Amino acid sequence: MKEILDRMDGLTSTTQEPGDYTGEDGLLYCGTCRKPKEAYFPADKIGLFGRDRHPAECNCQRKRREEREAAEKQRKHLDTVEDLKRRGFTDPAMREWTFEHDNGRNPQTKTARLYAEHWETMRNENIGYLFWGRRGDGEKLPCRLYRKRPHGAGNPGTHDKLCLDTQ
């Protein structure tokens, strides 16, 4: 029980950093942004944790949290993109291909670029393209789009998969 109370005490207390101060209302304030780092519990909740106040986010803490969340979201996005590239392209060199490296010899690149640039519209309207054939050097393309539509599914786009071409 003591461990639970110690943990609850840690959750309901705020650590004071250099520059922080206690305001006239008895709450701890941030020394940088001057916003409260604590807030009082409503009167009917005071006895719940044995304290009358709880931690609150000042502007500095909110900004740091939002930056951490944005960085984590970006990292997850990059991990997803890398995983899709790894699964979709068997040749590691293909994972680094971008439209900026296009030499303009393949006429389908214009359509692919249009598709990528208007991805949100294409996805929302369930528009898809299938590219097949051979690369410029005569080698067969290593990937194809496999349309997997379960019986009765109304939106086949959610079940599409980019797979290795086994044929």
Protein backbone atom coordinates (compact mmCIF):
# COMPACT_ATOMS: atom_id res chain seq x y z
CA MET A 1 0.00 0.00 0.00
CA LYS A 2 2.91 2.31 0.77
CA GLU A 3 4.22 1.85 -2.78
CA ILE A 4 0.87 2.89 -4.22
CA LEU A 5 0.74 5.97 -1.99
CA ASP A 6 4.33 6.89 -2.92
CA ARG A 7 3.53 6.56 -6.58
CA MET A 8 0.35 8.63 -6.23
CA ASP A 9 2.37 11.26 -4.36
CA GLY A 10 4.78 11.41 -7.30
CA LEU A 11 1.90 11.85 -9.74
CA THR A 12 0.25 14.62 -7.75
CA SER A 13 3.36 16.66 -6.90
CA THR A 14 5.29 19.10 -9.06
CA THR A 15 9.07 19.46 -8.99
CA GLN A 16 10.37 22.97 -8.62
CA GLU A 17 13.03 24.01 -11.12
CA PRO A 18 15.45 26.93 -10.79
CA GLY A 19 13.56 30.17 -11.41
CA ASP A 20 10.15 28.77 -10.41
CA TYR A 21 8.29 30.61 -7.67
CA THR A 22 5.21 30.32 -5.49
CA GLY A 23 2.48 32.82 -6.36
CA GLU A 24 0.14 34.68 -4.04
CA ASP A 25 -2.44 31.93 -4.54
CA GLY A 26 -0.01 29.31 -3.17
CA LEU A 27 0.55 27.59 -6.53
CA LEU A 28 3.94 26.92 -8.12
CA TYR A 29 4.60 29.09 -11.20
CA CYS A 30 7.10 28.64 -14.02
CA GLY A 31 9.99 31.09 -13.81
CA THR A 32 10.19 31.32 -17.61
CA CYS A 33 6.64 31.67 -18.94
CA ARG A 34 5.05 32.78 -15.62
CA LYS A 35 2.17 30.28 -16.00
CA PRO A 36 1.07 27.98 -13.13
CA LYS A 37 2.65 24.54 -12.89
CA GLU A 38 -0.03 23.50 -10.41
CA ALA A 39 -3.81 23.79 -10.16
CA TYR A 40 -6.21 23.24 -7.30
CA PHE A 41 -8.49 20.20 -7.30
CA PRO A 42 -12.22 21.00 -7.33
CA ALA A 43 -13.59 21.19 -3.77
CA ASP A 44 -15.36 17.83 -4.07
CA LYS A 45 -12.14 16.03 -5.14
CA ILE A 46 -9.68 17.39 -2.56
CA GLY A 47 -9.79 14.35 -0.27
CA LEU A 48 -9.42 11.91 -3.16
CA PHE A 49 -5.61 11.95 -3.24
CA GLY A 50 -5.00 13.57 0.12
CA ARG A 51 -3.84 16.78 -1.59
CA ASP A 52 -5.48 20.01 -2.58
CA ARG A 53 -3.54 20.55 -5.85
CA HIS A 54 -2.25 18.65 -8.89
CA PRO A 55 0.39 19.28 -11.58
CA ALA A 56 -0.57 21.46 -14.54
CA GLU A 57 1.24 22.17 -17.79
CA CYS A 58 2.80 25.57 -18.16
CA ASN A 59 3.45 26.94 -21.66
CA CYS A 60 7.09 25.78 -21.59
CA GLN A 61 6.14 22.22 -20.65
CA ARG A 62 3.35 22.18 -23.26
CA LYS A 63 5.76 23.34 -25.97
CA ARG A 64 8.35 20.66 -25.02
CA ARG A 65 5.62 17.96 -24.96
CA GLU A 66 4.27 19.02 -28.36
CA GLU A 67 7.80 19.01 -29.82
CA ARG A 68 8.41 15.50 -28.41
CA GLU A 69 5.06 14.29 -29.81
CA ALA A 70 5.78 15.83 -33.22
CA ALA A 71 9.24 14.23 -33.29
CA GLU A 72 7.75 10.85 -32.32
CA LYS A 73 5.05 11.18 -34.99
CA GLN A 74 7.72 12.04 -37.60
CA ARG A 75 9.88 9.10 -36.47
CA LYS A 76 6.91 6.70 -36.73
CA HIS A 77 6.09 8.06 -40.19
CA LEU A 78 9.68 7.58 -41.39
CA ASP A 79 9.71 4.05 -39.90
CA THR A 80 6.48 3.24 -41.76
CA VAL A 81 7.84 4.63 -45.03
CA GLU A 82 11.06 2.66 -44.62
CA ASP A 83 9.12 -0.53 -43.84
CA LEU A 84 6.93 -0.06 -46.93
CA LYS A 85 10.00 0.55 -49.09
CA ARG A 86 11.70 -2.54 -47.67
CA ARG A 87 8.65 -4.71 -48.36
CA GLY A 88 7.83 -3.16 -51.74
CA PHE A 89 11.27 -3.01 -53.34
CA THR A 90 13.50 -6.04 -53.48
CA ASP A 91 16.46 -4.08 -54.85
CA PRO A 92 17.87 -1.84 -52.07
CA ALA A 93 18.92 0.78 -54.66
CA MET A 94 15.24 1.23 -55.62
CA ARG A 95 14.42 2.36 -52.07
CA GLU A 96 16.29 5.60 -52.69
CA TRP A 97 14.60 6.43 -56.00
CA THR A 98 12.74 9.75 -56.06
CA PHE A 99 11.08 11.85 -58.73
CA GLU A 100 14.01 14.26 -58.48
CA HIS A 101 16.30 11.53 -59.88
CA ASP A 102 14.01 10.83 -62.84
CA ASN A 103 15.73 11.13 -66.23
CA GLY A 104 12.39 11.65 -68.03
CA ARG A 105 12.68 8.55 -70.25
CA ASN A 106 9.71 6.74 -68.75
CA PRO A 107 6.39 8.35 -69.78
CA GLN A 108 4.53 6.76 -66.83
CA THR A 109 6.58 8.82 -64.37
CA LYS A 110 4.38 11.84 -65.10
CA THR A 111 1.28 9.86 -64.06
CA ALA A 112 3.05 8.47 -60.98
CA ARG A 113 4.14 11.97 -59.93
CA LEU A 114 0.59 13.30 -60.38
CA TYR A 115 -0.70 10.41 -58.26
CA ALA A 116 1.84 11.09 -55.49
CA GLU A 117 1.26 14.84 -55.50
CA HIS A 118 -2.51 14.37 -55.18
CA TRP A 119 -2.36 11.38 -52.84
CA GLU A 120 -5.04 12.59 -50.40
CA THR A 121 -7.56 13.10 -53.23
CA MET A 122 -6.64 9.78 -54.86
CA ARG A 123 -7.04 7.92 -51.56
CA ASN A 124 -10.32 9.63 -50.66
CA GLU A 125 -11.81 8.94 -54.10
CA ASN A 126 -10.38 5.39 -54.17
CA ILE A 127 -8.43 6.01 -57.37
CA GLY A 128 -5.56 3.63 -58.03
CA TYR A 129 -3.02 2.97 -60.75
CA LEU A 130 -1.27 -0.22 -61.68
CA PHE A 131 2.14 0.05 -63.32
CA TRP A 132 3.61 -3.04 -64.93
CA GLY A 133 6.09 -4.00 -67.53
CA ARG A 134 9.84 -3.90 -67.70
CA ARG A 135 12.38 -1.46 -66.42
CA GLY A 136 14.42 0.56 -68.89
CA ASP A 137 17.20 -2.03 -68.81
CA GLY A 138 14.83 -4.83 -69.85
CA GLU A 139 14.57 -6.36 -66.39
CA LYS A 140 11.09 -7.27 -65.22
CA LEU A 141 9.60 -4.97 -62.57
CA PRO A 142 10.03 -6.63 -59.18
CA CYS A 143 6.66 -5.53 -57.76
CA ARG A 144 3.03 -5.57 -58.67
CA LEU A 145 -0.17 -4.46 -57.01
CA TYR A 146 -2.23 -7.31 -55.65
CA ARG A 147 -5.90 -6.40 -55.30
CA LYS A 148 -7.30 -8.41 -52.44
CA ARG A 149 -11.00 -7.77 -51.99
CA PRO A 150 -12.82 -9.91 -49.44
CA HIS A 151 -16.32 -10.98 -50.40
CA GLY A 152 -18.73 -8.13 -49.71
CA ALA A 153 -16.04 -5.50 -49.04
CA GLY A 154 -17.22 -2.11 -50.25
CA ASN A 155 -13.81 -0.46 -50.45
CA PRO A 156 -11.20 -2.62 -52.16
CA GLY A 157 -8.51 0.07 -51.73
CA THR A 158 -8.07 -0.76 -48.05
CA HIS A 159 -7.06 -4.31 -48.92
CA ASP A 160 -4.55 -3.58 -51.70
CA LYS A 161 -1.03 -4.87 -51.20
CA LEU A 162 2.22 -4.23 -53.01
CA CYS A 163 3.74 -7.69 -53.38
CA LEU A 164 6.67 -9.39 -54.97
CA ASP A 165 5.94 -10.44 -58.52
CA THR A 166 6.06 -14.22 -58.35
CA GLN A 167 5.05 -14.77 -61.98
